[in-house]
Amino acid sequence: MKLHGYFRSSCSYRVRIALGLKGLAYEHAPVHLMREGGDQHRPEYRALNPMAQVPLLEVEHEPGLTVTLTQSVAILEYLEERFPEPRLLPGCAYLRARVRKCVEIVNSGIQPMQNLSLMNEIKRMGGDATAFARGANERGLRALEAEAADAGGQFMIGDEITLADVCLVPQVYSARRFEVDMAAFPTLCAIDARLSALSAVALAHPDRQPDAPPEPAA
């Protein structure tokens, strides 16, 4: 497998976590979203993904047939179907729906509101893009906090790791970057801490990616 992504992209981060939890090895192919107008706009990358976004996963679907997959949730669902252990969707239809609800709160309700292209457009129009992204994070995290508190487990939905958790960790990381007051979300913070202690999750952290900038010298 080859994962085209950007170290700080929350969508790429989701896929890295899922790959790690499932013990799947992959090659990292950096796509720098900021440098020289963005690698995602280069013709060779657009040929793979006309949306000019990350992540993009190249995977051997069957012997001799390599396919490219885009859109992080579609990639997560593919990995779950193709490599079902350990499973990241519950066996119960109701619980699967709750997991998918949490995934969509992040994927549709929060992440697009902090997307680089949208934030650049807000800046172009004279708005405060950071405040806009912070507000979107706060609204979505309130919904996730209520969902997790109601579920009452060690993780987002119950006591097993699911795709809801895979999407939560990158969103908490992003929220902190936008200076969201995370004290307002104690359940989510506790879950994030449990997940971040796992090696598969820790290794997916943006700071541990090969395209992350080096730490400044002390």
N, C-alpha and C. Protein backbone atom coordinates (compact mmCIF):
# COMPACT_ATOMS: atom_id res chain seq x y z
N MET A 1 0.84 -1.19 0.00
CA MET A 1 0.00 0.00 0.00
C MET A 1 0.88 1.24 0.00
N LYS A 2 0.36 2.29 -0.60
CA LYS A 2 1.02 3.60 -0.57
C LYS A 2 -0.03 4.63 -0.18
N LEU A 3 0.26 5.37 0.89
CA LEU A 3 -0.65 6.41 1.36
C LEU A 3 -0.09 7.78 1.00
N HIS A 4 -0.79 8.48 0.13
CA HIS A 4 -0.45 9.86 -0.20
C HIS A 4 -1.17 10.75 0.82
N GLY A 5 -0.42 11.52 1.56
CA GLY A 5 -1.04 12.34 2.60
C GLY A 5 -0.14 13.47 3.05
N TYR A 6 -0.67 14.25 3.96
CA TYR A 6 0.06 15.39 4.53
C TYR A 6 0.06 15.19 6.03
N PHE A 7 1.19 15.43 6.66
CA PHE A 7 1.34 15.08 8.08
C PHE A 7 0.27 15.70 8.96
N ARG A 8 -0.18 16.92 8.63
CA ARG A 8 -1.13 17.63 9.49
C ARG A 8 -2.57 17.47 9.04
N SER A 9 -2.80 16.83 7.92
CA SER A 9 -4.17 16.62 7.45
C SER A 9 -4.91 15.67 8.37
N SER A 10 -6.03 16.12 8.92
CA SER A 10 -6.78 15.26 9.83
C SER A 10 -7.35 14.05 9.09
N CYS A 11 -7.69 14.22 7.83
CA CYS A 11 -8.22 13.09 7.05
C CYS A 11 -7.14 12.03 6.81
N SER A 12 -5.92 12.48 6.52
CA SER A 12 -4.81 11.53 6.38
C SER A 12 -4.52 10.85 7.71
N TYR A 13 -4.60 11.61 8.78
CA TYR A 13 -4.37 11.12 10.14
C TYR A 13 -5.34 9.97 10.45
N ARG A 14 -6.61 10.12 10.08
CA ARG A 14 -7.60 9.05 10.31
C ARG A 14 -7.15 7.75 9.67
N VAL A 15 -6.72 7.85 8.42
CA VAL A 15 -6.35 6.65 7.69
C VAL A 15 -5.10 6.02 8.30
N ARG A 16 -4.14 6.84 8.71
CA ARG A 16 -2.94 6.30 9.36
C ARG A 16 -3.30 5.53 10.62
N ILE A 17 -4.23 6.06 11.40
CA ILE A 17 -4.65 5.37 12.62
C ILE A 17 -5.27 4.02 12.28
N ALA A 18 -6.18 3.99 11.32
CA ALA A 18 -6.84 2.74 10.95
C ALA A 18 -5.83 1.72 10.45
N LEU A 19 -4.90 2.15 9.61
CA LEU A 19 -3.87 1.24 9.11
C LEU A 19 -3.05 0.68 10.26
N GLY A 20 -2.73 1.53 11.21
CA GLY A 20 -1.95 1.08 12.36
C GLY A 20 -2.72 0.10 13.24
N LEU A 21 -3.98 0.40 13.51
CA LEU A 21 -4.78 -0.49 14.34
C LEU A 21 -4.94 -1.86 13.70
N LYS A 22 -5.01 -1.88 12.38
CA LYS A 22 -5.18 -3.15 11.67
C LYS A 22 -3.84 -3.82 11.33
N GLY A 23 -2.74 -3.19 11.72
CA GLY A 23 -1.43 -3.78 11.52
C GLY A 23 -1.03 -3.87 10.07
N LEU A 24 -1.45 -2.91 9.26
CA LEU A 24 -1.17 -2.92 7.82
C LEU A 24 0.01 -2.02 7.49
N ALA A 25 1.00 -2.59 6.85
CA ALA A 25 2.17 -1.81 6.45
C ALA A 25 1.86 -1.00 5.20
N TYR A 26 2.47 0.18 5.11
CA TYR A 26 2.26 1.03 3.94
C TYR A 26 3.45 1.94 3.73
N GLU A 27 3.57 2.40 2.50
CA GLU A 27 4.58 3.39 2.14
C GLU A 27 3.96 4.78 2.25
N HIS A 28 4.71 5.69 2.85
CA HIS A 28 4.22 7.06 3.01
C HIS A 28 4.68 7.90 1.82
N ALA A 29 3.74 8.56 1.15
CA ALA A 29 4.05 9.42 0.01
C ALA A 29 3.58 10.84 0.35
N PRO A 30 4.48 11.71 0.79
CA PRO A 30 4.08 13.05 1.22
C PRO A 30 3.52 13.90 0.09
N VAL A 31 2.46 14.62 0.41
CA VAL A 31 1.86 15.60 -0.50
C VAL A 31 1.79 16.91 0.30
N HIS A 32 2.72 17.80 0.06
CA HIS A 32 2.78 19.04 0.85
C HIS A 32 1.69 20.00 0.35
N LEU A 33 0.78 20.34 1.24
CA LEU A 33 -0.38 21.15 0.85
C LEU A 33 -0.08 22.64 0.78
N MET A 34 1.06 23.07 1.29
CA MET A 34 1.34 24.50 1.40
C MET A 34 2.49 24.97 0.50
N ARG A 35 3.45 24.13 0.28
CA ARG A 35 4.67 24.55 -0.41
C ARG A 35 4.42 24.81 -1.90
N GLU A 36 4.88 25.95 -2.38
CA GLU A 36 4.84 26.31 -3.81
C GLU A 36 3.45 26.11 -4.41
N GLY A 37 2.45 26.55 -3.67
CA GLY A 37 1.08 26.45 -4.16
C GLY A 37 0.40 25.13 -3.89
N GLY A 38 1.14 24.17 -3.34
CA GLY A 38 0.54 22.90 -2.96
C GLY A 38 0.80 21.78 -3.96
N ASP A 39 1.42 20.70 -3.47
CA ASP A 39 1.69 19.54 -4.33
C ASP A 39 0.41 18.92 -4.87
N GLN A 40 -0.69 19.11 -4.14
CA GLN A 40 -1.96 18.50 -4.56
C GLN A 40 -2.47 19.06 -5.88
N HIS A 41 -1.94 20.22 -6.28
CA HIS A 41 -2.39 20.83 -7.54
C HIS A 41 -1.49 20.47 -8.73
N ARG A 42 -0.45 19.72 -8.48
CA ARG A 42 0.43 19.31 -9.57
C ARG A 42 -0.31 18.37 -10.52
N PRO A 43 -0.06 18.47 -11.82
CA PRO A 43 -0.80 17.64 -12.79
C PRO A 43 -0.72 16.15 -12.49
N GLU A 44 0.46 15.69 -12.06
CA GLU A 44 0.62 14.26 -11.83
C GLU A 44 -0.24 13.78 -10.66
N TYR A 45 -0.43 14.66 -9.66
CA TYR A 45 -1.30 14.27 -8.55
C TYR A 45 -2.77 14.39 -8.94
N ARG A 46 -3.11 15.45 -9.65
CA ARG A 46 -4.51 15.61 -10.10
C ARG A 46 -4.93 14.45 -11.01
N ALA A 47 -3.98 13.85 -11.69
CA ALA A 47 -4.32 12.70 -12.52
C ALA A 47 -4.78 11.53 -11.66
N LEU A 48 -4.27 11.45 -10.43
CA LEU A 48 -4.69 10.41 -9.51
C LEU A 48 -5.96 10.81 -8.76
N ASN A 49 -6.05 12.09 -8.40
CA ASN A 49 -7.20 12.58 -7.65
C ASN A 49 -7.61 13.95 -8.18
N PRO A 50 -8.62 14.00 -9.06
CA PRO A 50 -9.05 15.27 -9.64
C PRO A 50 -9.53 16.29 -8.60
N MET A 51 -9.89 15.84 -7.39
CA MET A 51 -10.29 16.78 -6.34
C MET A 51 -9.11 17.49 -5.71
N ALA A 52 -7.91 17.02 -6.00
CA ALA A 52 -6.68 17.64 -5.46
C ALA A 52 -6.72 17.71 -3.95
N GLN A 53 -7.02 16.58 -3.34
CA GLN A 53 -7.10 16.48 -1.88
C GLN A 53 -6.30 15.27 -1.41
N VAL A 54 -6.05 15.24 -0.12
CA VAL A 54 -5.50 14.05 0.53
C VAL A 54 -6.53 13.56 1.56
N PRO A 55 -6.47 12.27 1.87
CA PRO A 55 -5.52 11.25 1.46
C PRO A 55 -5.92 10.56 0.18
N LEU A 56 -4.96 9.82 -0.35
CA LEU A 56 -5.20 8.92 -1.47
C LEU A 56 -4.44 7.64 -1.15
N LEU A 57 -5.12 6.51 -1.25
CA LEU A 57 -4.50 5.23 -0.94
C LEU A 57 -4.40 4.39 -2.21
N GLU A 58 -3.18 3.95 -2.51
CA GLU A 58 -2.97 2.96 -3.57
C GLU A 58 -2.85 1.60 -2.91
N VAL A 59 -3.65 0.64 -3.35
CA VAL A 59 -3.66 -0.67 -2.71
C VAL A 59 -3.87 -1.76 -3.76
N GLU A 60 -3.20 -2.87 -3.58
CA GLU A 60 -3.41 -4.01 -4.45
C GLU A 60 -4.72 -4.68 -4.04
N HIS A 61 -5.74 -4.43 -4.80
CA HIS A 61 -7.07 -4.95 -4.47
C HIS A 61 -7.15 -6.46 -4.67
N GLU A 62 -6.48 -6.92 -5.68
CA GLU A 62 -6.34 -8.35 -5.94
C GLU A 62 -5.05 -8.53 -6.69
N PRO A 63 -4.52 -9.74 -6.76
CA PRO A 63 -3.22 -9.91 -7.42
C PRO A 63 -3.19 -9.30 -8.82
N GLY A 64 -2.23 -8.39 -9.01
CA GLY A 64 -2.06 -7.76 -10.31
C GLY A 64 -2.94 -6.56 -10.56
N LEU A 65 -3.82 -6.22 -9.59
CA LEU A 65 -4.73 -5.08 -9.78
C LEU A 65 -4.57 -4.09 -8.62
N THR A 66 -3.87 -2.98 -8.91
CA THR A 66 -3.72 -1.91 -7.93
C THR A 66 -4.74 -0.83 -8.22
N VAL A 67 -5.46 -0.43 -7.18
CA VAL A 67 -6.49 0.59 -7.33
C VAL A 67 -6.14 1.80 -6.46
N THR A 68 -6.71 2.95 -6.81
CA THR A 68 -6.54 4.16 -6.00
C THR A 68 -7.88 4.51 -5.37
N LEU A 69 -7.83 4.84 -4.10
CA LEU A 69 -9.02 5.21 -3.34
C LEU A 69 -8.83 6.59 -2.75
N THR A 70 -9.86 7.42 -2.83
CA THR A 70 -9.83 8.75 -2.22
C THR A 70 -11.02 8.90 -1.28
N GLN A 71 -11.02 10.00 -0.52
CA GLN A 71 -12.02 10.32 0.50
C GLN A 71 -11.83 9.39 1.70
N SER A 72 -11.46 9.98 2.82
CA SER A 72 -11.00 9.20 3.96
C SER A 72 -12.03 8.21 4.48
N VAL A 73 -13.31 8.60 4.54
CA VAL A 73 -14.31 7.68 5.09
C VAL A 73 -14.50 6.49 4.15
N ALA A 74 -14.47 6.73 2.84
CA ALA A 74 -14.55 5.62 1.90
C ALA A 74 -13.36 4.68 2.07
N ILE A 75 -12.19 5.25 2.31
CA ILE A 75 -10.99 4.43 2.53
C ILE A 75 -11.15 3.63 3.82
N LEU A 76 -11.63 4.26 4.88
CA LEU A 76 -11.83 3.55 6.15
C LEU A 76 -12.81 2.39 6.00
N GLU A 77 -13.89 2.63 5.28
CA GLU A 77 -14.88 1.57 5.07
C GLU A 77 -14.28 0.44 4.23
N TYR A 78 -13.48 0.78 3.23
CA TYR A 78 -12.83 -0.24 2.41
C TYR A 78 -11.90 -1.10 3.27
N LEU A 79 -11.08 -0.45 4.09
CA LEU A 79 -10.16 -1.19 4.95
C LEU A 79 -10.92 -2.10 5.90
N GLU A 80 -12.05 -1.62 6.41
CA GLU A 80 -12.85 -2.43 7.34
C GLU A 80 -13.40 -3.67 6.64
N GLU A 81 -13.85 -3.52 5.41
CA GLU A 81 -14.40 -4.66 4.68
C GLU A 81 -13.30 -5.61 4.20
N ARG A 82 -12.21 -5.04 3.76
CA ARG A 82 -11.14 -5.86 3.18
C ARG A 82 -10.30 -6.54 4.27
N PHE A 83 -10.08 -5.84 5.37
CA PHE A 83 -9.26 -6.35 6.46
C PHE A 83 -10.07 -6.25 7.76
N PRO A 84 -10.99 -7.17 7.98
CA PRO A 84 -12.00 -7.00 9.04
C PRO A 84 -11.50 -7.16 10.47
N GLU A 85 -10.26 -7.58 10.67
CA GLU A 85 -9.75 -7.75 12.04
C GLU A 85 -8.57 -6.83 12.29
N PRO A 86 -8.53 -6.19 13.46
CA PRO A 86 -9.63 -6.08 14.42
C PRO A 86 -10.73 -5.20 13.86
N ARG A 87 -11.96 -5.54 14.13
CA ARG A 87 -13.05 -4.80 13.54
C ARG A 87 -13.21 -3.43 14.19
N LEU A 88 -13.57 -2.47 13.38
CA LEU A 88 -13.75 -1.10 13.84
C LEU A 88 -15.20 -0.63 13.69
N LEU A 89 -16.07 -1.57 13.32
CA LEU A 89 -17.51 -1.33 13.31
C LEU A 89 -18.17 -2.43 14.14
N PRO A 90 -19.07 -2.08 15.06
CA PRO A 90 -19.69 -3.09 15.92
C PRO A 90 -20.56 -4.06 15.13
N GLY A 91 -20.82 -5.20 15.75
CA GLY A 91 -21.69 -6.19 15.12
C GLY A 91 -23.15 -5.81 15.14
N CYS A 92 -23.54 -4.97 16.09
CA CYS A 92 -24.94 -4.54 16.25
C CYS A 92 -25.26 -3.40 15.28
N ALA A 93 -26.36 -3.54 14.54
CA ALA A 93 -26.74 -2.52 13.56
C ALA A 93 -26.95 -1.16 14.20
N TYR A 94 -27.57 -1.13 15.38
CA TYR A 94 -27.82 0.14 16.07
C TYR A 94 -26.50 0.81 16.46
N LEU A 95 -25.57 0.03 17.00
CA LEU A 95 -24.29 0.61 17.39
C LEU A 95 -23.47 1.05 16.18
N ARG A 96 -23.58 0.29 15.08
CA ARG A 96 -22.90 0.73 13.85
C ARG A 96 -23.44 2.09 13.41
N ALA A 97 -24.74 2.27 13.52
CA ALA A 97 -25.33 3.55 13.14
C ALA A 97 -24.83 4.67 14.04
N ARG A 98 -24.68 4.38 15.32
CA ARG A 98 -24.16 5.41 16.24
C ARG A 98 -22.71 5.76 15.91
N VAL A 99 -21.93 4.74 15.58
CA VAL A 99 -20.55 4.99 15.18
C VAL A 99 -20.51 5.87 13.94
N ARG A 100 -21.31 5.50 12.96
CA ARG A 100 -21.32 6.28 11.71
C ARG A 100 -21.83 7.70 11.93
N LYS A 101 -22.74 7.87 12.87
CA LYS A 101 -23.19 9.22 13.19
C LYS A 101 -22.02 10.06 13.69
N CYS A 102 -21.22 9.50 14.60
CA CYS A 102 -20.05 10.23 15.11
C CYS A 102 -19.06 10.53 13.99
N VAL A 103 -18.85 9.55 13.13
CA VAL A 103 -17.95 9.76 11.99
C VAL A 103 -18.43 10.94 11.15
N GLU A 104 -19.73 11.00 10.89
CA GLU A 104 -20.25 12.07 10.04
C GLU A 104 -20.28 13.42 10.74
N ILE A 105 -20.44 13.43 12.06
CA ILE A 105 -20.32 14.71 12.77
C ILE A 105 -18.95 15.32 12.50
N VAL A 106 -17.92 14.47 12.54
CA VAL A 106 -16.57 14.95 12.25
C VAL A 106 -16.40 15.23 10.76
N ASN A 107 -16.75 14.24 9.94
CA ASN A 107 -16.44 14.30 8.53
C ASN A 107 -17.25 15.35 7.77
N SER A 108 -18.50 15.55 8.18
CA SER A 108 -19.36 16.51 7.48
C SER A 108 -19.59 17.79 8.27
N GLY A 109 -19.58 17.67 9.59
CA GLY A 109 -19.96 18.81 10.41
C GLY A 109 -18.83 19.66 10.95
N ILE A 110 -17.62 19.09 10.99
CA ILE A 110 -16.49 19.85 11.55
C ILE A 110 -15.38 20.04 10.51
N GLN A 111 -14.82 18.94 10.02
CA GLN A 111 -13.61 19.02 9.21
C GLN A 111 -13.75 19.93 7.98
N PRO A 112 -14.88 19.89 7.25
CA PRO A 112 -14.96 20.78 6.09
C PRO A 112 -14.89 22.26 6.46
N MET A 113 -15.28 22.59 7.70
CA MET A 113 -15.27 23.99 8.14
C MET A 113 -13.87 24.48 8.50
N GLN A 114 -12.90 23.57 8.52
CA GLN A 114 -11.52 23.97 8.78
C GLN A 114 -10.63 23.59 7.61
N ASN A 115 -11.24 23.20 6.51
CA ASN A 115 -10.50 22.81 5.33
C ASN A 115 -9.66 23.99 4.81
N LEU A 116 -8.48 23.69 4.34
CA LEU A 116 -7.55 24.74 3.92
C LEU A 116 -8.14 25.64 2.85
N SER A 117 -8.81 25.06 1.86
CA SER A 117 -9.35 25.88 0.77
C SER A 117 -10.45 26.82 1.28
N LEU A 118 -11.28 26.33 2.20
CA LEU A 118 -12.33 27.20 2.75
C LEU A 118 -11.73 28.31 3.60
N MET A 119 -10.77 27.96 4.41
CA MET A 119 -10.15 28.99 5.26
C MET A 119 -9.45 30.06 4.42
N ASN A 120 -8.82 29.64 3.33
CA ASN A 120 -8.19 30.63 2.45
C ASN A 120 -9.24 31.55 1.82
N GLU A 121 -10.40 30.99 1.49
CA GLU A 121 -11.46 31.81 0.91
C GLU A 121 -12.02 32.79 1.94
N ILE A 122 -12.17 32.35 3.19
CA ILE A 122 -12.64 33.25 4.25
C ILE A 122 -11.65 34.39 4.44
N LYS A 123 -10.37 34.07 4.43
CA LYS A 123 -9.35 35.11 4.56
C LYS A 123 -9.43 36.10 3.40
N ARG A 124 -9.62 35.54 2.18
CA ARG A 124 -9.70 36.40 0.99
C ARG A 124 -10.86 37.38 1.10
N MET A 125 -11.95 36.96 1.76
CA MET A 125 -13.13 37.80 1.92
C MET A 125 -13.03 38.72 3.14
N GLY A 126 -11.89 38.66 3.83
CA GLY A 126 -11.66 39.55 4.96
C GLY A 126 -12.15 39.02 6.29
N GLY A 127 -12.51 37.75 6.37
CA GLY A 127 -13.01 37.17 7.60
C GLY A 127 -11.90 36.57 8.46
N ASP A 128 -12.28 36.19 9.66
CA ASP A 128 -11.36 35.56 10.60
C ASP A 128 -11.50 34.05 10.47
N ALA A 129 -10.64 33.45 9.66
CA ALA A 129 -10.76 32.02 9.37
C ALA A 129 -10.52 31.16 10.60
N THR A 130 -9.60 31.58 11.46
CA THR A 130 -9.30 30.80 12.65
C THR A 130 -10.49 30.78 13.61
N ALA A 131 -11.12 31.93 13.79
CA ALA A 131 -12.30 31.98 14.66
C ALA A 131 -13.44 31.16 14.08
N PHE A 132 -13.58 31.18 12.77
CA PHE A 132 -14.62 30.38 12.12
C PHE A 132 -14.37 28.89 12.37
N ALA A 133 -13.14 28.45 12.18
CA ALA A 133 -12.80 27.04 12.39
C ALA A 133 -12.96 26.65 13.85
N ARG A 134 -12.58 27.56 14.75
CA ARG A 134 -12.73 27.27 16.17
C ARG A 134 -14.20 27.07 16.53
N GLY A 135 -15.07 27.93 16.02
CA GLY A 135 -16.49 27.80 16.29
C GLY A 135 -17.07 26.50 15.75
N ALA A 136 -16.63 26.09 14.56
CA ALA A 136 -17.10 24.83 13.99
C ALA A 136 -16.66 23.65 14.84
N ASN A 137 -15.43 23.69 15.33
CA ASN A 137 -14.94 22.64 16.21
C ASN A 137 -15.76 22.58 17.49
N GLU A 138 -16.02 23.73 18.07
CA GLU A 138 -16.77 23.74 19.33
C GLU A 138 -18.17 23.18 19.16
N ARG A 139 -18.86 23.53 18.09
CA ARG A 139 -20.21 23.02 17.86
C ARG A 139 -20.19 21.50 17.69
N GLY A 140 -19.27 21.02 16.88
CA GLY A 140 -19.22 19.58 16.64
C GLY A 140 -18.78 18.80 17.86
N LEU A 141 -17.81 19.33 18.59
CA LEU A 141 -17.33 18.63 19.78
C LEU A 141 -18.40 18.57 20.86
N ARG A 142 -19.25 19.58 20.94
CA ARG A 142 -20.36 19.51 21.90
C ARG A 142 -21.27 18.32 21.58
N ALA A 143 -21.54 18.11 20.31
CA ALA A 143 -22.38 16.98 19.90
C ALA A 143 -21.68 15.65 20.21
N LEU A 144 -20.39 15.58 19.96
CA LEU A 144 -19.65 14.35 20.24
C LEU A 144 -19.54 14.10 21.73
N GLU A 145 -19.35 15.15 22.51
CA GLU A 145 -19.29 15.00 23.96
C GLU A 145 -20.58 14.41 24.50
N ALA A 146 -21.71 14.90 24.01
CA ALA A 146 -23.01 14.37 24.45
C ALA A 146 -23.17 12.91 24.04
N GLU A 147 -22.74 12.57 22.83
CA GLU A 147 -22.85 11.20 22.34
C GLU A 147 -21.99 10.25 23.17
N ALA A 148 -20.75 10.64 23.43
CA ALA A 148 -19.85 9.79 24.20
C ALA A 148 -20.30 9.64 25.63
N ALA A 149 -20.78 10.73 26.23
CA ALA A 149 -21.27 10.66 27.61
C ALA A 149 -22.48 9.74 27.71
N ASP A 150 -23.35 9.80 26.71
CA ASP A 150 -24.53 8.94 26.70
C ASP A 150 -24.13 7.48 26.51
N ALA A 151 -23.13 7.21 25.67
CA ALA A 151 -22.70 5.83 25.43
C ALA A 151 -22.07 5.22 26.67
N GLY A 152 -21.36 6.06 27.44
CA GLY A 152 -20.87 5.63 28.74
C GLY A 152 -19.81 4.55 28.73
N GLY A 153 -18.98 4.49 27.68
CA GLY A 153 -17.93 3.47 27.61
C GLY A 153 -16.55 4.07 27.74
N GLN A 154 -15.55 3.20 27.56
CA GLN A 154 -14.16 3.64 27.60
C GLN A 154 -13.78 4.43 26.34
N PHE A 155 -14.54 4.18 25.28
CA PHE A 155 -14.26 4.86 24.02
C PHE A 155 -15.53 5.57 23.54
N MET A 156 -15.57 6.02 22.31
CA MET A 156 -16.70 6.84 21.87
C MET A 156 -18.04 6.10 21.98
N ILE A 157 -18.07 4.88 21.49
CA ILE A 157 -19.30 4.09 21.55
C ILE A 157 -18.96 2.75 22.19
N GLY A 158 -19.11 2.68 23.48
CA GLY A 158 -18.83 1.45 24.20
C GLY A 158 -17.38 1.29 24.60
N ASP A 159 -16.98 0.04 24.79
CA ASP A 159 -15.64 -0.26 25.32
C ASP A 159 -14.70 -0.84 24.27
N GLU A 160 -15.11 -0.78 23.00
CA GLU A 160 -14.24 -1.23 21.91
C GLU A 160 -13.95 -0.05 20.99
N ILE A 161 -12.73 -0.03 20.45
CA ILE A 161 -12.34 1.04 19.53
C ILE A 161 -13.11 0.88 18.21
N THR A 162 -13.64 1.98 17.72
CA THR A 162 -14.40 1.97 16.48
C THR A 162 -13.92 3.10 15.57
N LEU A 163 -14.53 3.19 14.40
CA LEU A 163 -14.21 4.28 13.49
C LEU A 163 -14.52 5.64 14.09
N ALA A 164 -15.44 5.69 15.05
CA ALA A 164 -15.71 6.96 15.73
C ALA A 164 -14.47 7.45 16.45
N ASP A 165 -13.72 6.55 17.07
CA ASP A 165 -12.48 6.91 17.76
C ASP A 165 -11.39 7.27 16.77
N VAL A 166 -11.35 6.54 15.65
CA VAL A 166 -10.37 6.83 14.61
C VAL A 166 -10.52 8.27 14.12
N CYS A 167 -11.75 8.74 14.04
CA CYS A 167 -12.00 10.12 13.59
C CYS A 167 -11.87 11.13 14.72
N LEU A 168 -12.09 10.69 15.96
CA LEU A 168 -12.03 11.63 17.09
C LEU A 168 -10.62 12.16 17.31
N VAL A 169 -9.63 11.28 17.34
CA VAL A 169 -8.28 11.70 17.71
C VAL A 169 -7.75 12.82 16.81
N PRO A 170 -7.85 12.70 15.49
CA PRO A 170 -7.38 13.81 14.66
C PRO A 170 -8.17 15.10 14.87
N GLN A 171 -9.47 14.97 15.19
CA GLN A 171 -10.26 16.17 15.37
C GLN A 171 -9.90 16.89 16.67
N VAL A 172 -9.59 16.12 17.69
CA VAL A 172 -9.12 16.74 18.95
C VAL A 172 -7.79 17.44 18.71
N TYR A 173 -6.92 16.81 17.94
CA TYR A 173 -5.64 17.45 17.59
C TYR A 173 -5.88 18.78 16.88
N SER A 174 -6.80 18.78 15.92
CA SER A 174 -7.10 20.01 15.18
C SER A 174 -7.71 21.06 16.10
N ALA A 175 -8.62 20.63 16.96
CA ALA A 175 -9.27 21.58 17.87
C ALA A 175 -8.24 22.28 18.75
N ARG A 176 -7.27 21.55 19.21
CA ARG A 176 -6.23 22.17 20.04
C ARG A 176 -5.40 23.16 19.22
N ARG A 177 -5.16 22.85 17.95
CA ARG A 177 -4.44 23.78 17.09
C ARG A 177 -5.22 25.10 16.95
N PHE A 178 -6.55 25.01 16.94
CA PHE A 178 -7.38 26.20 16.81
C PHE A 178 -7.74 26.81 18.16
N GLU A 179 -7.04 26.35 19.21
CA GLU A 179 -7.15 26.91 20.56
C GLU A 179 -8.56 26.79 21.13
N VAL A 180 -9.20 25.66 20.85
CA VAL A 180 -10.48 25.36 21.49
C VAL A 180 -10.21 25.03 22.96
N ASP A 181 -11.07 25.51 23.84
CA ASP A 181 -10.95 25.20 25.27
C ASP A 181 -11.43 23.77 25.50
N MET A 182 -10.51 22.83 25.54
CA MET A 182 -10.87 21.43 25.64
C MET A 182 -11.37 21.04 27.02
N ALA A 183 -11.22 21.92 28.00
CA ALA A 183 -11.77 21.63 29.33
C ALA A 183 -13.29 21.48 29.28
N ALA A 184 -13.91 22.04 28.25
CA ALA A 184 -15.36 21.92 28.10
C ALA A 184 -15.78 20.53 27.63
N PHE A 185 -14.81 19.67 27.29
CA PHE A 185 -15.13 18.36 26.73
C PHE A 185 -14.38 17.26 27.48
N PRO A 186 -14.69 17.08 28.75
CA PRO A 186 -13.91 16.13 29.56
C PRO A 186 -14.01 14.68 29.11
N THR A 187 -15.17 14.27 28.62
CA THR A 187 -15.31 12.88 28.17
C THR A 187 -14.44 12.63 26.95
N LEU A 188 -14.47 13.56 26.01
CA LEU A 188 -13.65 13.40 24.81
C LEU A 188 -12.16 13.42 25.14
N CYS A 189 -11.76 14.28 26.06
CA CYS A 189 -10.35 14.35 26.44
C CYS A 189 -9.89 13.05 27.07
N ALA A 190 -10.75 12.45 27.90
CA ALA A 190 -10.38 11.18 28.54
C ALA A 190 -10.25 10.07 27.49
N ILE A 191 -11.17 10.03 26.55
CA ILE A 191 -11.10 9.03 25.48
C ILE A 191 -9.86 9.25 24.63
N ASP A 192 -9.59 10.50 24.27
CA ASP A 192 -8.42 10.82 23.46
C ASP A 192 -7.14 10.38 24.17
N ALA A 193 -7.07 10.57 25.48
CA ALA A 193 -5.88 10.16 26.23
C ALA A 193 -5.71 8.65 26.21
N ARG A 194 -6.80 7.92 26.35
CA ARG A 194 -6.72 6.44 26.30
C ARG A 194 -6.22 5.99 24.93
N LEU A 195 -6.78 6.58 23.89
CA LEU A 195 -6.40 6.19 22.54
C LEU A 195 -4.95 6.57 22.24
N SER A 196 -4.55 7.74 22.65
CA SER A 196 -3.21 8.24 22.33
C SER A 196 -2.11 7.43 23.03
N ALA A 197 -2.48 6.67 24.06
CA ALA A 197 -1.51 5.81 24.74
C ALA A 197 -1.22 4.53 23.97
N LEU A 198 -2.04 4.23 22.96
CA LEU A 198 -1.85 3.03 22.15
C LEU A 198 -0.77 3.29 21.10
N SER A 199 0.12 2.35 20.90
CA SER A 199 1.24 2.57 19.99
C SER A 199 0.77 2.84 18.56
N ALA A 200 -0.27 2.14 18.10
CA ALA A 200 -0.75 2.33 16.73
C ALA A 200 -1.27 3.74 16.53
N VAL A 201 -1.86 4.31 17.55
CA VAL A 201 -2.38 5.67 17.46
C VAL A 201 -1.24 6.68 17.62
N ALA A 202 -0.36 6.42 18.57
CA ALA A 202 0.76 7.33 18.80
C ALA A 202 1.65 7.45 17.57
N LEU A 203 1.88 6.35 16.87
CA LEU A 203 2.74 6.37 15.69
C LEU A 203 2.12 7.13 14.52
N ALA A 204 0.79 7.31 14.55
CA ALA A 204 0.10 8.04 13.48
C ALA A 204 0.09 9.55 13.72
N HIS A 205 0.58 9.99 14.88
CA HIS A 205 0.54 11.42 15.22
C HIS A 205 1.30 12.24 14.17
N PRO A 206 0.78 13.41 13.84
CA PRO A 206 1.44 14.25 12.83
C PRO A 206 2.92 14.51 13.09
N ASP A 207 3.30 14.72 14.35
CA ASP A 207 4.69 15.02 14.66
C ASP A 207 5.63 13.86 14.37
N ARG A 208 5.08 12.66 14.19
CA ARG A 208 5.92 11.48 13.98
C ARG A 208 5.95 11.04 12.52
N GLN A 209 5.46 11.91 11.65
CA GLN A 209 5.43 11.56 10.22
C GLN A 209 6.72 12.04 9.54
N PRO A 210 7.15 11.34 8.50
CA PRO A 210 8.42 11.71 7.84
C PRO A 210 8.41 13.08 7.20
N ASP A 211 7.22 13.62 6.88
CA ASP A 211 7.17 14.95 6.28
C ASP A 211 6.94 16.05 7.29
N ALA A 212 6.89 15.71 8.58
CA ALA A 212 6.74 16.73 9.61
C ALA A 212 8.02 17.55 9.71
N PRO A 213 7.91 18.86 9.90
CA PRO A 213 9.13 19.66 10.01
C PRO A 213 9.89 19.29 11.26
N PRO A 214 11.22 19.40 11.24
CA PRO A 214 12.01 19.06 12.42
C PRO A 214 11.73 20.02 13.56
N GLU A 215 11.85 19.52 14.76
CA GLU A 215 11.67 20.38 15.93
C GLU A 215 12.80 21.41 15.97
N PRO A 216 12.47 22.65 16.37
CA PRO A 216 13.53 23.66 16.48
C PRO A 216 14.56 23.27 17.53
N ALA A 217 15.80 23.61 17.27
CA ALA A 217 16.86 23.29 18.22
C ALA A 217 16.63 24.03 19.52
N ALA A 218 16.97 23.38 20.63
CA ALA A 218 16.78 24.00 21.95
C ALA A 218 17.79 25.13 22.15
